[in-house]
N, C-alpha and C. Protein backbone atom coordinates (compact mmCIF):
# COMPACT_ATOMS: atom_id res chain seq x y z
N UNK A 1 124.83 108.36 50.98
CA UNK A 1 123.98 109.26 51.66
C UNK A 1 122.84 109.61 50.65
N UNK A 2 121.61 109.75 51.19
CA UNK A 2 120.47 110.14 50.38
C UNK A 2 120.09 111.61 50.70
N UNK A 3 119.93 112.32 49.60
CA UNK A 3 119.57 113.75 49.65
C UNK A 3 118.21 113.95 49.18
N UNK A 4 117.53 115.08 49.73
CA UNK A 4 116.19 115.50 49.31
C UNK A 4 116.24 117.02 49.03
N UNK A 5 115.30 117.46 48.21
CA UNK A 5 115.30 118.89 47.90
C UNK A 5 114.73 119.62 49.17
N UNK A 6 115.33 120.75 49.44
CA UNK A 6 114.92 121.67 50.50
C UNK A 6 113.72 122.39 50.08
N UNK A 7 113.12 123.22 50.97
CA UNK A 7 112.00 124.14 50.44
C UNK A 7 112.54 125.10 49.38
N UNK A 8 113.77 125.61 49.58
CA UNK A 8 114.29 126.44 48.67
C UNK A 8 114.55 125.75 47.33
N UNK A 9 115.00 124.44 47.43
CA UNK A 9 115.18 123.66 46.23
C UNK A 9 113.88 123.44 45.52
N UNK A 10 112.79 123.20 46.23
CA UNK A 10 111.50 122.97 45.54
C UNK A 10 111.14 124.28 44.79
N UNK A 11 111.35 125.45 45.44
CA UNK A 11 111.03 126.72 44.73
C UNK A 11 111.86 126.92 43.51
N UNK A 12 113.19 126.62 43.53
CA UNK A 12 114.03 126.80 42.42
C UNK A 12 113.57 125.80 41.28
N UNK A 13 113.13 124.62 41.67
CA UNK A 13 112.62 123.68 40.67
C UNK A 13 111.47 124.25 39.92
N UNK A 14 110.61 125.10 40.57
CA UNK A 14 109.53 125.70 39.94
C UNK A 14 109.81 126.96 39.15
N UNK A 15 110.60 127.80 39.83
CA UNK A 15 110.79 129.18 39.15
C UNK A 15 112.16 129.38 38.51
N UNK A 16 113.05 128.42 38.65
CA UNK A 16 114.36 128.41 38.03
C UNK A 16 115.19 129.63 38.38
N UNK A 17 114.97 130.09 39.61
CA UNK A 17 115.68 131.28 40.13
C UNK A 17 117.17 131.10 40.33
N UNK A 18 117.61 129.83 40.43
CA UNK A 18 119.02 129.49 40.42
C UNK A 18 119.34 128.82 39.18
N UNK A 19 120.23 129.39 38.30
CA UNK A 19 120.51 128.77 37.08
C UNK A 19 121.30 127.47 37.25
N UNK A 20 120.72 126.39 36.61
CA UNK A 20 121.23 125.06 36.57
C UNK A 20 121.40 124.61 35.18
N UNK A 21 122.47 123.92 34.86
CA UNK A 21 122.68 123.42 33.54
C UNK A 21 121.60 122.28 33.36
N UNK A 22 121.29 121.92 32.14
CA UNK A 22 120.38 120.80 31.95
C UNK A 22 120.85 119.51 32.66
N UNK A 23 122.09 119.22 32.63
CA UNK A 23 122.49 118.01 33.41
C UNK A 23 122.39 118.20 34.87
N UNK A 24 122.71 119.33 35.44
CA UNK A 24 122.51 119.65 36.84
C UNK A 24 121.03 119.49 37.28
N UNK A 25 120.20 120.10 36.40
CA UNK A 25 118.80 120.10 36.68
C UNK A 25 118.21 118.61 36.62
N UNK A 26 118.69 117.80 35.72
CA UNK A 26 118.22 116.37 35.68
C UNK A 26 118.72 115.71 36.89
N UNK A 27 119.94 115.92 37.34
CA UNK A 27 120.42 115.23 38.60
C UNK A 27 119.68 115.73 39.76
N UNK A 28 119.43 117.04 39.82
CA UNK A 28 118.67 117.73 40.91
C UNK A 28 117.32 117.05 41.07
N UNK A 29 116.69 116.89 39.97
CA UNK A 29 115.27 116.19 40.06
C UNK A 29 115.35 114.82 40.55
N UNK A 30 116.46 114.05 40.30
CA UNK A 30 116.58 112.69 40.78
C UNK A 30 116.74 112.57 42.37
N UNK A 31 117.10 113.68 42.96
CA UNK A 31 117.18 113.61 44.45
C UNK A 31 115.77 113.67 45.10
N UNK A 32 115.13 112.50 45.20
CA UNK A 32 113.80 112.38 45.61
C UNK A 32 113.58 111.75 47.06
N UNK A 33 114.76 111.59 47.71
CA UNK A 33 114.69 110.89 49.01
C UNK A 33 114.77 109.42 48.90
N UNK A 34 114.96 108.85 47.72
CA UNK A 34 115.11 107.49 47.48
C UNK A 34 116.49 107.06 46.97
N UNK A 35 117.06 107.95 46.22
CA UNK A 35 118.30 107.66 45.57
C UNK A 35 119.45 108.35 46.29
N UNK A 36 120.59 107.54 46.35
CA UNK A 36 121.80 108.03 47.00
C UNK A 36 122.60 108.92 46.08
N UNK A 37 123.50 109.59 46.68
CA UNK A 37 124.44 110.43 45.88
C UNK A 37 125.10 109.51 44.81
N UNK A 38 125.57 108.45 45.25
CA UNK A 38 126.29 107.53 44.40
C UNK A 38 125.35 107.00 43.15
N UNK A 39 124.05 106.80 43.43
CA UNK A 39 123.07 106.39 42.50
C UNK A 39 123.00 107.50 41.41
N UNK A 40 122.86 108.75 41.79
CA UNK A 40 122.75 109.87 40.89
C UNK A 40 124.05 110.04 40.12
N UNK A 41 125.14 109.93 40.82
CA UNK A 41 126.42 110.09 40.08
C UNK A 41 126.70 108.99 39.06
N UNK A 42 126.13 107.75 39.29
CA UNK A 42 126.30 106.70 38.39
C UNK A 42 125.21 106.59 37.39
N UNK A 43 124.26 107.57 37.33
CA UNK A 43 123.17 107.54 36.42
C UNK A 43 123.57 107.86 34.95
N UNK A 44 124.78 108.27 34.75
CA UNK A 44 125.25 108.59 33.41
C UNK A 44 124.83 110.04 32.96
N UNK A 45 124.56 110.92 33.90
CA UNK A 45 124.20 112.30 33.57
C UNK A 45 125.41 113.10 33.34
N UNK A 46 126.51 112.70 33.72
CA UNK A 46 127.77 113.47 33.56
C UNK A 46 127.91 114.60 34.63
N UNK A 47 127.35 114.37 35.67
CA UNK A 47 127.46 115.42 36.78
C UNK A 47 128.45 115.00 37.81
N UNK A 48 129.29 115.89 38.36
CA UNK A 48 130.30 115.56 39.28
C UNK A 48 129.88 115.84 40.73
N UNK A 49 130.66 115.18 41.66
CA UNK A 49 130.42 115.41 43.05
C UNK A 49 130.46 116.84 43.42
N UNK A 50 131.32 117.67 42.88
CA UNK A 50 131.42 119.09 43.21
C UNK A 50 130.14 119.80 42.84
N UNK A 51 129.46 119.41 41.77
CA UNK A 51 128.20 120.07 41.44
C UNK A 51 127.14 119.75 42.51
N UNK A 52 127.18 118.59 42.97
CA UNK A 52 126.17 118.13 44.01
C UNK A 52 126.46 118.97 45.28
N UNK A 53 127.80 119.02 45.62
CA UNK A 53 128.13 119.80 46.78
C UNK A 53 127.78 121.30 46.70
N UNK A 54 127.92 121.85 45.50
CA UNK A 54 127.43 123.18 45.22
C UNK A 54 125.97 123.36 45.54
N UNK A 55 125.20 122.38 45.09
CA UNK A 55 123.72 122.45 45.33
C UNK A 55 123.40 122.33 46.81
N UNK A 56 124.23 121.56 47.54
CA UNK A 56 124.06 121.49 49.01
C UNK A 56 124.41 122.82 49.71
N UNK A 57 125.60 123.48 49.11
CA UNK A 57 125.99 124.75 49.71
C UNK A 57 125.04 125.78 49.46
N UNK A 58 124.25 125.74 48.38
CA UNK A 58 123.23 126.72 47.96
C UNK A 58 121.95 126.45 48.72
N UNK A 59 121.89 125.41 49.47
CA UNK A 59 120.77 125.03 50.36
C UNK A 59 119.60 124.57 49.39
N UNK A 60 119.95 123.97 48.30
CA UNK A 60 118.92 123.39 47.37
C UNK A 60 118.66 121.86 47.79
N UNK A 61 119.67 121.26 48.33
CA UNK A 61 119.57 119.83 48.80
C UNK A 61 120.03 119.71 50.19
N UNK A 62 119.53 118.70 50.89
CA UNK A 62 119.98 118.47 52.27
C UNK A 62 119.90 117.03 52.50
N UNK A 63 120.57 116.50 53.46
CA UNK A 63 120.44 115.06 53.80
C UNK A 63 119.06 114.66 54.29
N UNK A 64 118.61 113.46 53.88
CA UNK A 64 117.29 112.91 54.31
C UNK A 64 117.31 112.95 55.88
N UNK A 65 116.20 113.29 56.53
CA UNK A 65 116.11 113.36 57.98
C UNK A 65 116.58 112.06 58.51
N UNK A 66 117.27 112.04 59.58
CA UNK A 66 117.76 110.88 60.31
C UNK A 66 119.07 110.34 59.85
N UNK A 67 119.65 110.98 58.88
CA UNK A 67 121.00 110.61 58.36
C UNK A 67 122.03 111.52 58.99
N UNK A 68 123.20 111.03 59.17
CA UNK A 68 124.38 111.95 59.60
C UNK A 68 124.63 113.04 58.55
N UNK A 69 125.00 114.12 59.00
CA UNK A 69 125.27 115.25 58.11
C UNK A 69 126.45 114.88 57.12
N UNK A 70 126.41 115.45 55.99
CA UNK A 70 127.45 115.19 55.05
C UNK A 70 128.81 115.90 55.38
N UNK A 71 129.83 115.40 54.76
CA UNK A 71 131.13 116.16 54.98
C UNK A 71 130.94 117.67 54.60
N UNK A 72 131.64 118.54 55.09
CA UNK A 72 131.46 120.01 54.83
C UNK A 72 131.49 120.15 53.32
N UNK A 73 130.51 120.89 52.71
CA UNK A 73 130.48 121.01 51.27
C UNK A 73 131.55 122.04 50.86
N UNK A 74 131.89 122.03 49.55
CA UNK A 74 132.76 123.05 48.98
C UNK A 74 132.14 124.36 49.24
N UNK A 75 132.83 125.45 49.56
CA UNK A 75 132.29 126.74 49.84
C UNK A 75 131.45 127.23 48.61
N UNK A 76 130.34 127.81 48.86
CA UNK A 76 129.50 128.35 47.79
C UNK A 76 130.11 129.56 47.13
N UNK A 77 129.91 129.73 45.92
CA UNK A 77 130.60 130.78 45.13
C UNK A 77 130.41 132.16 45.84
N UNK A 78 129.19 132.60 46.34
CA UNK A 78 129.17 133.94 46.93
C UNK A 78 130.11 134.08 48.07
N UNK A 79 130.29 133.08 48.83
CA UNK A 79 131.19 133.17 50.05
C UNK A 79 132.59 133.38 49.52
N UNK A 80 132.99 132.64 48.52
CA UNK A 80 134.31 132.86 47.95
C UNK A 80 134.47 134.19 47.35
N UNK A 81 133.44 134.75 46.79
CA UNK A 81 133.51 136.11 46.18
C UNK A 81 133.74 137.13 47.23
N UNK A 82 133.11 136.90 48.37
CA UNK A 82 133.23 137.94 49.44
C UNK A 82 134.61 137.89 50.06
N UNK A 83 135.19 136.67 50.16
CA UNK A 83 136.44 136.52 50.89
C UNK A 83 137.62 137.16 50.06
N UNK A 84 137.59 137.24 48.77
CA UNK A 84 138.77 137.78 48.02
C UNK A 84 138.62 139.20 47.76
N UNK A 85 137.43 139.78 47.98
CA UNK A 85 137.28 141.22 47.77
C UNK A 85 136.80 141.56 46.33
N UNK A 86 136.84 140.61 45.40
CA UNK A 86 136.25 140.86 44.06
C UNK A 86 134.81 140.50 44.00
N UNK A 87 134.03 141.27 43.35
CA UNK A 87 132.57 141.04 43.21
C UNK A 87 132.46 139.82 42.24
N UNK A 88 131.19 139.28 42.26
CA UNK A 88 130.92 138.18 41.40
C UNK A 88 130.95 138.73 39.94
N UNK A 89 130.51 139.94 39.73
CA UNK A 89 130.56 140.62 38.38
C UNK A 89 131.98 140.69 37.92
N UNK A 90 132.87 141.12 38.77
CA UNK A 90 134.32 141.25 38.41
C UNK A 90 134.89 139.87 38.10
N UNK A 91 134.55 138.85 38.89
CA UNK A 91 135.00 137.52 38.63
C UNK A 91 134.53 137.08 37.20
N UNK A 92 133.29 137.27 36.91
CA UNK A 92 132.74 136.92 35.64
C UNK A 92 133.52 137.64 34.48
N UNK A 93 133.78 138.94 34.61
CA UNK A 93 134.54 139.67 33.59
C UNK A 93 135.88 139.14 33.45
N UNK A 94 136.54 138.71 34.56
CA UNK A 94 137.90 138.15 34.45
C UNK A 94 137.93 136.76 33.87
N UNK A 95 136.95 135.97 34.25
CA UNK A 95 136.87 134.56 33.77
C UNK A 95 136.32 134.29 32.37
N UNK A 96 135.45 135.18 31.93
CA UNK A 96 134.80 134.96 30.68
C UNK A 96 135.79 134.83 29.53
N UNK A 97 136.72 135.75 29.37
CA UNK A 97 137.64 135.61 28.22
C UNK A 97 138.49 134.41 28.27
N UNK A 98 138.87 133.97 29.52
CA UNK A 98 139.59 132.75 29.73
C UNK A 98 138.78 131.54 29.20
N UNK A 99 137.50 131.45 29.64
CA UNK A 99 136.64 130.48 29.28
C UNK A 99 136.44 130.32 27.80
N UNK A 100 136.27 131.48 27.12
CA UNK A 100 136.02 131.42 25.67
C UNK A 100 137.32 131.00 24.92
N UNK A 101 138.41 131.42 25.50
CA UNK A 101 139.72 131.02 24.79
C UNK A 101 139.89 129.53 24.95
N UNK A 102 139.60 128.95 26.15
CA UNK A 102 139.83 127.61 26.40
C UNK A 102 138.90 126.79 25.54
N UNK A 103 137.64 127.08 25.50
CA UNK A 103 136.67 126.33 24.70
C UNK A 103 136.89 126.55 23.16
N UNK A 104 137.34 127.72 22.80
CA UNK A 104 137.58 128.04 21.44
C UNK A 104 138.81 127.23 20.88
N UNK A 105 139.73 126.91 21.76
CA UNK A 105 140.90 126.17 21.37
C UNK A 105 140.62 124.71 21.15
N UNK A 106 139.38 124.26 21.49
CA UNK A 106 139.03 122.86 21.29
C UNK A 106 138.62 122.55 19.87
N UNK A 107 138.45 123.57 19.06
CA UNK A 107 138.01 123.33 17.72
C UNK A 107 136.57 122.93 17.59
N UNK A 108 136.37 122.10 16.57
CA UNK A 108 134.98 121.58 16.40
C UNK A 108 134.41 120.87 17.57
N UNK A 109 135.35 120.10 18.20
CA UNK A 109 134.97 119.35 19.38
C UNK A 109 134.36 120.25 20.49
N UNK A 110 134.83 121.42 20.67
CA UNK A 110 134.42 122.27 21.75
C UNK A 110 133.37 123.27 21.30
N UNK A 111 132.83 123.21 20.14
CA UNK A 111 131.99 124.17 19.53
C UNK A 111 130.74 124.42 20.44
N UNK A 112 130.03 123.35 20.80
CA UNK A 112 128.81 123.39 21.58
C UNK A 112 129.15 124.03 22.98
N UNK A 113 130.25 123.65 23.54
CA UNK A 113 130.65 124.17 24.88
C UNK A 113 130.97 125.60 24.66
N UNK A 114 131.65 125.99 23.63
CA UNK A 114 132.04 127.39 23.40
C UNK A 114 130.63 128.22 23.29
N UNK A 115 129.64 127.71 22.61
CA UNK A 115 128.35 128.35 22.59
C UNK A 115 127.75 128.52 23.94
N UNK A 116 127.85 127.48 24.75
CA UNK A 116 127.34 127.61 26.10
C UNK A 116 127.99 128.64 26.86
N UNK A 117 129.34 128.75 26.73
CA UNK A 117 130.10 129.83 27.42
C UNK A 117 129.62 131.20 26.95
N UNK A 118 129.51 131.37 25.64
CA UNK A 118 129.05 132.65 25.06
C UNK A 118 127.64 133.02 25.48
N UNK A 119 126.81 131.93 25.86
CA UNK A 119 125.45 132.22 26.35
C UNK A 119 125.32 132.54 27.81
N UNK A 120 126.42 132.49 28.50
CA UNK A 120 126.38 132.88 29.92
C UNK A 120 126.25 134.40 30.07
N UNK A 121 125.47 134.74 31.13
CA UNK A 121 125.29 136.21 31.46
C UNK A 121 125.69 136.56 32.89
N UNK A 122 126.14 135.56 33.48
CA UNK A 122 126.45 135.81 35.03
C UNK A 122 127.58 134.95 35.50
N UNK A 123 128.07 135.33 36.68
CA UNK A 123 129.10 134.49 37.32
C UNK A 123 128.52 133.09 37.69
N UNK A 124 127.34 133.02 38.06
CA UNK A 124 126.68 131.79 38.45
C UNK A 124 126.71 130.79 37.23
N UNK A 125 126.35 131.35 36.09
CA UNK A 125 126.20 130.62 34.81
C UNK A 125 127.56 130.05 34.50
N UNK A 126 128.62 130.87 34.56
CA UNK A 126 129.93 130.49 34.14
C UNK A 126 130.45 129.45 35.17
N UNK A 127 130.22 129.66 36.47
CA UNK A 127 130.59 128.73 37.45
C UNK A 127 130.03 127.41 37.16
N UNK A 128 128.78 127.33 36.79
CA UNK A 128 128.09 126.07 36.61
C UNK A 128 128.74 125.33 35.37
N UNK A 129 129.26 126.06 34.43
CA UNK A 129 129.89 125.45 33.22
C UNK A 129 131.38 125.05 33.52
N UNK A 130 131.92 125.64 34.55
CA UNK A 130 133.39 125.29 34.76
C UNK A 130 133.72 123.84 34.91
N UNK A 131 132.93 122.98 35.54
CA UNK A 131 133.31 121.51 35.45
C UNK A 131 133.36 120.96 34.10
N UNK A 132 132.51 121.38 33.17
CA UNK A 132 132.50 120.91 31.90
C UNK A 132 133.72 121.27 31.14
N UNK A 133 134.11 122.55 31.31
CA UNK A 133 135.26 123.13 30.67
C UNK A 133 136.51 122.40 31.13
N UNK A 134 136.56 122.13 32.55
CA UNK A 134 137.66 121.50 33.17
C UNK A 134 137.75 120.04 32.58
N UNK A 135 136.69 119.38 32.49
CA UNK A 135 136.71 118.06 31.87
C UNK A 135 137.15 118.01 30.43
N UNK A 136 136.89 119.01 29.68
CA UNK A 136 137.19 119.06 28.31
C UNK A 136 138.69 119.44 28.02
N UNK A 137 139.25 120.41 28.84
CA UNK A 137 140.61 120.86 28.65
C UNK A 137 141.60 120.31 29.53
N UNK A 138 141.13 119.67 30.60
CA UNK A 138 142.05 119.14 31.61
C UNK A 138 142.30 120.09 32.72
N UNK A 139 142.65 119.58 33.92
CA UNK A 139 142.83 120.47 35.15
C UNK A 139 143.95 121.53 34.95
N UNK A 140 145.09 121.10 34.17
CA UNK A 140 146.14 122.04 34.12
C UNK A 140 145.81 123.29 33.35
N UNK A 141 145.14 123.14 32.22
CA UNK A 141 144.71 124.27 31.35
C UNK A 141 143.62 125.08 32.03
N UNK A 142 142.72 124.36 32.84
CA UNK A 142 141.61 125.03 33.50
C UNK A 142 142.02 125.76 34.69
N UNK A 143 143.29 125.59 35.09
CA UNK A 143 143.77 126.29 36.35
C UNK A 143 143.48 127.79 36.36
N UNK A 144 143.78 128.40 35.26
CA UNK A 144 143.60 129.80 35.08
C UNK A 144 142.15 130.24 35.28
N UNK A 145 141.22 129.44 34.69
CA UNK A 145 139.79 129.71 34.77
C UNK A 145 139.39 129.60 36.25
N UNK A 146 139.80 128.43 36.89
CA UNK A 146 139.46 128.27 38.33
C UNK A 146 140.00 129.45 39.18
N UNK A 147 141.16 129.86 38.90
CA UNK A 147 141.66 131.02 39.72
C UNK A 147 140.86 132.26 39.50
N UNK A 148 140.46 132.52 38.18
CA UNK A 148 139.65 133.71 37.96
C UNK A 148 138.32 133.64 38.61
N UNK A 149 137.71 132.38 38.76
CA UNK A 149 136.40 132.24 39.36
C UNK A 149 136.48 132.14 40.85
N UNK A 150 137.53 131.53 41.39
CA UNK A 150 137.50 131.28 42.76
C UNK A 150 138.57 131.83 43.70
N UNK A 151 139.49 132.53 43.26
CA UNK A 151 140.50 133.05 44.14
C UNK A 151 140.07 134.08 45.14
């Protein structure tokens, strides 16, 4: 499937109103109406399908006109926050210490990732880093972080 930036996506590209990691931004830029999802995933940027689905859920990307709609995307973070009763701020407060503990336990290998976690200031920032943390520590150890962010 080929995706293109929506009007909202074009605006985010200009004003950076939705925080994207450098890898997410690089992948986001590649969605130009010519490259398929598989092309972008295979480009070596280290971005996962769930990150692309999040950009679709945030209405930053949409299928190129004339293509069938994509499979339903993963629910956007704000919708998940509303369904559990915890605010995004509370989710951030709950998840931040877990994220710092996980990345701190990686030692020197996780130093840069730990700095990125410490640089987050919002739920969205931490949610954007979650796939990197999951990849570094494994899904079993990341389960507590996922629960704090998404339950």
